[in-house]
Every structure is written in structure tokens, then in C-alpha cells.
Protein backbone atom coordinates (compact mmCIF):
# COMPACT_ATOMS: atom_id res chain seq x y z
CA MET A 1 -0.04 0.03 0.10
CA ASN A 2 1.10 3.62 -0.55
CA LYS A 3 0.51 6.38 2.04
CA ALA A 4 0.03 9.77 0.77
CA ASN A 5 -1.19 12.75 2.88
CA GLY A 6 -1.90 10.36 5.65
CA LEU A 7 -4.05 8.17 3.48
CA TYR A 8 -3.50 4.49 2.76
CA LEU A 9 -4.07 3.99 -1.06
CA ILE A 10 -4.82 0.80 -2.88
CA PRO A 11 -3.37 1.40 -6.20
CA ILE A 12 -3.63 -0.94 -9.29
CA THR A 13 -1.51 0.50 -12.08
CA ILE A 14 -2.69 0.67 -15.70
CA ILE A 15 -0.17 0.22 -18.46
CA ASN A 16 -0.85 1.75 -21.88
CA LEU A 17 0.79 -0.12 -24.76
CA THR A 18 -0.18 2.29 -27.65
CA HIS A 19 -3.86 1.67 -27.73
CA LEU A 20 -3.82 -1.12 -25.14
CA LYS A 21 -3.93 -0.81 -21.47
CA ILE A 22 -2.94 -3.32 -18.76
CA ILE A 23 -4.48 -2.75 -15.37
CA PHE A 24 -2.90 -4.34 -12.39
CA ASP A 25 -6.10 -5.24 -10.40
CA GLU A 26 -7.24 -6.03 -7.01
CA VAL A 27 -3.89 -6.49 -5.22
CA PHE A 28 -3.09 -5.06 -1.92
CA TYR A 29 0.47 -4.18 -0.66
CA ARG A 30 1.51 -3.74 2.85
CA HIS A 31 4.51 -1.58 3.97
CA SER A 32 6.84 -4.42 3.82
CA GLN A 33 6.12 -5.30 0.38
CA PHE A 34 7.40 -3.48 -2.68
CA ARG A 35 5.05 -0.88 -4.15
CA PRO A 36 3.65 -1.37 -7.68
CA ASP A 37 2.41 2.00 -8.18
CA LYS A 38 5.85 3.44 -7.48
CA GLU A 39 7.43 0.76 -9.61
CA ALA A 40 4.99 1.66 -12.57
CA GLN A 41 5.37 5.14 -12.25
CA ASP A 42 9.18 4.82 -12.44
CA LEU A 43 8.81 2.88 -15.65
CA GLY A 44 6.60 5.64 -16.99
CA ILE A 45 3.72 3.34 -17.39
CA LEU A 46 1.14 4.42 -14.78
CA ASP A 47 -2.08 5.26 -16.67
CA GLY A 48 -4.69 4.80 -13.84
CA VAL A 49 -6.22 2.77 -11.00
CA THR A 50 -8.95 0.57 -10.20
CA THR A 51 -10.29 -0.16 -6.76
CA ASN A 52 -12.45 -2.67 -4.86
CA PRO A 53 -14.50 -1.81 -1.70
CA SER A 54 -14.45 -5.39 -0.51
CA LEU A 55 -10.74 -5.57 -0.58
CA MET A 56 -10.64 -2.06 1.20
CA ALA A 57 -12.76 -3.49 4.06
CA LYS A 58 -10.50 -6.43 4.56
CA GLU A 59 -7.52 -4.04 4.82
CA GLY A 60 -9.39 -2.04 7.48
CA ILE A 61 -10.34 0.85 5.16
CA THR A 62 -14.13 1.23 6.04
CA GLY A 63 -16.65 4.12 6.41
CA HIS A 64 -18.25 6.01 3.32
CA GLU A 65 -16.38 9.20 4.05
CA ASN A 66 -12.81 7.47 4.66
CA ILE A 67 -13.31 5.56 1.22
CA LEU A 68 -14.40 8.69 -0.71
CA LYS A 69 -11.13 10.41 0.63
CA HIS A 70 -9.14 7.49 -0.70
CA TYR A 71 -10.60 7.63 -4.21
CA VAL A 72 -9.69 11.67 -4.16
CA ALA A 73 -6.26 10.99 -2.84
CA ILE A 74 -5.63 8.28 -5.62
CA CYS A 75 -6.82 10.74 -8.28
CA ALA A 76 -4.22 13.28 -7.01
CA ILE A 77 -1.26 11.02 -7.41
CA VAL A 78 -2.13 9.14 -10.86
CA THR A 79 -3.30 10.03 -14.25
CA GLY A 80 -6.01 8.25 -16.25
CA ASP A 81 -9.22 6.46 -15.02
CA VAL A 82 -9.90 5.55 -11.53
CA SER A 83 -12.75 2.92 -11.32
CA ALA A 84 -14.75 3.31 -8.12
CA GLU A 85 -17.44 0.82 -7.34
CA VAL A 86 -21.02 1.40 -6.10
CA ILE A 87 -22.23 -0.75 -3.28
CA ALA A 88 -25.95 -0.46 -3.89
CA THR A 89 -27.79 -3.03 -5.99
CA ASP A 90 -30.91 -1.04 -6.48
CA PHE A 91 -31.37 1.57 -9.25
CA GLU A 92 -31.85 4.59 -7.17
CA GLY A 93 -29.07 3.62 -4.76
CA MET A 94 -26.63 3.11 -7.67
CA VAL A 95 -27.65 6.44 -9.12
CA LYS A 96 -27.25 8.30 -5.92
CA GLU A 97 -23.83 6.56 -5.19
CA GLY A 98 -22.55 6.76 -8.73
CA GLU A 99 -23.43 10.56 -9.08
CA ALA A 100 -21.56 11.23 -5.95
CA LEU A 101 -18.68 9.15 -7.09
CA ALA A 102 -18.52 10.86 -10.41
CA ALA A 103 -18.50 14.31 -8.58
CA LEU A 104 -15.52 13.55 -6.64
CA HIS A 105 -13.00 13.94 -9.78
CA PRO A 106 -13.23 13.97 -13.33
CA GLN A 107 -11.02 10.89 -13.45
CA ILE A 108 -13.57 8.64 -11.66
CA VAL A 109 -15.33 5.94 -13.60
CA VAL A 110 -18.25 4.53 -11.98
CA LYS A 111 -18.12 0.80 -11.46
CA VAL A 112 -21.54 -1.05 -11.75
CA PRO A 113 -22.27 -4.58 -11.50
CA MET A 114 -23.93 -6.50 -14.27
CA ILE A 115 -27.37 -6.92 -12.98
CA LYS A 116 -30.77 -5.80 -14.25
CA GLU A 117 -30.80 -2.62 -12.21
CA GLY A 118 -27.03 -2.09 -12.93
CA ILE A 119 -28.00 -1.85 -16.81
CA LYS A 120 -30.59 0.73 -15.97
CA ALA A 121 -28.01 2.55 -14.09
CA ILE A 122 -25.57 2.48 -16.72
CA LYS A 123 -28.06 3.88 -19.37
CA TYR A 124 -28.98 6.62 -16.90
CA PHE A 125 -25.19 7.48 -16.45
CA SER A 126 -24.48 7.27 -20.13
CA ASP A 127 -27.29 9.70 -20.72
CA LYS A 128 -25.70 12.06 -18.10
CA GLY A 129 -22.20 11.73 -19.57
CA ILE A 130 -20.84 9.64 -16.54
CA ARG A 131 -18.47 7.08 -17.48
CA THR A 132 -19.03 3.39 -16.32
CA ASN A 133 -17.37 0.07 -15.92
CA CYS A 134 -19.71 -2.72 -16.09
CA THR A 135 -18.21 -5.45 -13.78
CA LEU A 136 -18.77 -9.11 -13.21
CA VAL A 137 -19.41 -10.11 -16.82
CA PHE A 138 -19.44 -13.73 -17.56
CA SER A 139 -21.43 -14.01 -20.91
CA VAL A 140 -21.66 -12.43 -24.38
CA GLY A 141 -25.18 -11.76 -23.89
CA GLN A 142 -24.18 -9.64 -20.69
CA ALA A 143 -21.55 -7.73 -22.58
CA LEU A 144 -23.97 -7.01 -25.36
CA LEU A 145 -26.45 -5.53 -22.98
CA ALA A 146 -23.71 -3.25 -21.25
CA ALA A 147 -22.46 -2.01 -24.62
CA LYS A 148 -26.27 -1.43 -25.51
CA ALA A 149 -26.63 0.66 -22.25
CA GLY A 150 -23.57 2.77 -23.12
CA ALA A 151 -21.03 1.30 -20.64
CA THR A 152 -17.45 2.73 -21.16
CA TYR A 153 -15.86 -0.45 -20.31
CA VAL A 154 -17.21 -3.86 -19.82
CA SER A 155 -15.33 -6.31 -17.48
CA PRO A 156 -15.38 -10.16 -18.38
CA PHE A 157 -13.87 -12.20 -15.73
CA ILE A 158 -11.62 -14.68 -17.51
CA GLY A 159 -9.81 -16.22 -14.70
CA ARG A 160 -12.90 -16.93 -12.71
CA LEU A 161 -14.25 -18.62 -15.80
CA ASP A 162 -11.27 -20.89 -16.09
CA ASP A 163 -11.72 -21.69 -12.46
CA ILE A 164 -15.09 -23.53 -13.44
CA ALA A 165 -13.55 -25.30 -16.56
CA THR A 166 -14.94 -22.64 -18.94
CA ASP A 167 -12.72 -20.95 -21.67
CA GLY A 168 -12.52 -17.44 -20.44
CA LEU A 169 -10.45 -16.31 -23.54
CA ASN A 170 -13.13 -17.55 -25.89
CA LEU A 171 -15.46 -15.11 -24.09
CA ILE A 172 -12.97 -12.33 -25.15
CA ALA A 173 -12.94 -13.40 -28.60
CA GLU A 174 -16.90 -13.60 -28.80
CA ILE A 175 -17.22 -10.13 -27.31
CA ARG A 176 -14.61 -8.57 -29.61
CA GLN A 177 -16.65 -10.12 -32.58
CA VAL A 178 -19.81 -8.87 -31.56
CA TYR A 179 -18.52 -5.43 -30.63
CA ASP A 180 -16.92 -5.01 -33.91
CA ASN A 181 -19.93 -6.13 -35.81
CA TYR A 182 -21.80 -3.14 -34.51
CA ALA A 183 -18.98 -0.81 -34.05
CA PHE A 184 -19.80 -0.44 -30.19
CA ASP A 185 -17.48 2.07 -28.28
CA THR A 186 -17.49 0.20 -25.23
CA GLN A 187 -14.07 -1.00 -24.62
CA ILE A 188 -13.31 -4.53 -23.33
CA LEU A 189 -11.62 -4.62 -20.08
CA ALA A 190 -10.34 -8.47 -19.41
CA ALA A 191 -10.60 -8.88 -15.68
CA SER A 192 -9.26 -11.60 -13.42
CA VAL A 193 -6.07 -12.00 -15.63
CA ARG A 194 -3.97 -14.31 -13.59
CA HIS A 195 -0.59 -14.64 -15.53
CA THR A 196 1.53 -13.52 -18.42
CA MET A 197 -0.03 -15.87 -21.09
CA HIS A 198 -3.53 -14.21 -20.30
CA ILE A 199 -2.16 -10.95 -21.05
CA ILE A 200 -0.54 -12.13 -24.30
CA ASP A 201 -3.64 -14.09 -25.43
CA CYS A 202 -6.05 -11.11 -24.46
CA ALA A 203 -3.87 -8.83 -26.61
CA LYS A 204 -3.99 -11.27 -29.62
CA LEU A 205 -7.79 -11.30 -29.17
CA GLY A 206 -8.11 -7.64 -29.26
CA ALA A 207 -9.11 -6.94 -25.50
CA ASP A 208 -8.66 -3.02 -25.14
CA VAL A 209 -7.74 -3.22 -21.42
CA MET A 210 -6.47 -6.01 -19.19
CA THR A 211 -6.23 -6.64 -15.43
CA GLY A 212 -3.91 -8.63 -13.51
CA PRO A 213 -1.13 -8.50 -10.80
CA LEU A 214 2.03 -6.53 -11.32
CA SER A 215 4.07 -9.83 -11.68
CA SER A 216 2.31 -10.27 -14.96
CA ILE A 217 4.07 -7.34 -16.47
CA GLU A 218 7.36 -8.46 -14.80
CA GLY A 219 6.92 -11.71 -16.53
CA LEU A 220 6.45 -9.97 -19.84
CA LEU A 221 9.65 -8.06 -19.34
CA LYS A 222 11.78 -11.26 -18.62
CA HIS A 223 13.20 -14.17 -20.95
CA PRO A 224 16.02 -16.21 -20.03
CA LEU A 225 17.92 -15.59 -23.25
CA THR A 226 17.76 -11.99 -22.41
CA ASP A 227 19.55 -12.61 -19.15
CA ILE A 228 22.02 -14.92 -20.83
CA GLY A 229 22.74 -12.40 -23.46
CA LEU A 230 23.29 -9.45 -21.12
CA ALA A 231 25.52 -11.41 -18.99
CA GLN A 232 27.65 -12.45 -21.88
CA PHE A 233 27.80 -9.03 -23.29
CA LEU A 234 28.97 -7.74 -19.74
CA LYS A 235 31.41 -10.55 -19.63
CA ASP A 236 33.01 -9.75 -22.92
CA TYR A 237 33.12 -6.08 -22.17
CA LYS A 238 34.95 -6.56 -18.94
CA LYS A 239 37.69 -8.65 -20.75
CA GLY A 240 38.38 -5.86 -23.20
CA ASN A 241 38.64 -3.25 -20.47
């Protein structure tokens, strides 16, 4: 976790690779652990943050006002979108919470669950110009409804599908096909990404945004032949100097 202005932040960095973003999602870091937000900023690849109220609660970050302060603090130290999730499951409650979240900062994207009332709320927010992230998507039909309602992002959870012996990557491919068929503006945010190959496969399939632990981007950076080659270059250099 990162502490700024007395607030503990739960940052999940977003990596922008040309038109592709990679989000490091739903990971909490204590003081004794290395800070992914700082590491990402040092690489020049921090584009935004997503948060999860449930995980905040597990870390002792509770209370409505306290959570809102954290969202504002996060917006102050990062660039790009910051997804903040509503807790309500009824239309009126989601609208009230979502409008309050959006009013906190221009970077806020309101995270809304894929339920009937959520679709209604997404349409409402879309008409008001408030950006949304439709979360907990597990089917093409759900993704289609989210796009029709005007969601900015749709978040299919591929890792959780894999957990129940269902091809999560196939869902990404099918959503991509449907969105391309009708030129939907909604961006596919592949959530529950578990490892480096998930990132690579999602990129091949045309996902716009991907979420996963920071270790995944480290995996992309590494290759044994790179290490061997660098070691050889340094060895040869030292011999000649």
C-alpha cells in the first residue's frame, strides 16, 4: 500500500501500450512489500487505477467518508481513469452513489455490477455523460447489454471462468466479434487476468484493457535468453577493459 497525505492507497496500475491498457487489479500491498504504483510510475507506464471496496474493507479501510477520501487521494497521485465501485444493488441507490462518485473527480469511472438494475443505471449514467465500468460479466449476452446501455468499459472475468472449466479467453474473442460487428465504443476490459499468457492471449484477441497482478508485467519483461545475452555482453566488455 502507498501512504499519501496520511491516507493508505490501494493502487492498481494501468499500463498503456499504444492503444492497449493493462491494469494491475485487486492487489493489496503492505508496507513491507514493494510498491507496484511507484514501480510502474518509475517505468513511465502508470495510466490509472481501479479499486475494490471489498478488499478495502479487508484491509480495514471502512466508512463511506474514508473511502471517498481515498478515491480523491488516488486521483491526486495518478493520471488516467480511476474505477470506483458502487455498493448499492438497486437503481436509485446506484444512481445516488454513482453521481456522488463521479462528482469527486473527473478521473472517476463508476463501477456498476452486471445486474438488471445495473444496466438501467449504466443507461442513466451514459445519458448524463458519466463514464461507467460494467463489472462481473461472464457472458456475451451480458456484454452486449452493457454496450447497448452505453458502458465505457465492460469487464469479463476470464480467470474466474477458467476456474470453473470454462474458456475465459473464448469469451473475450466472442465479445470482440460482437462489438466489432456493431462498432460499439465500449472497451473490453479483461478482468481476473492471472498470468503473463493471459495478457498475451488477450492482446491477440483484441481486448482493449487487461487486469492482473504486477508480476504479470514483470513476466512480460523477462526472458532467459535476454539474461544470458546480457551476462555475456557484460562479460565480454569486462575482458576488453
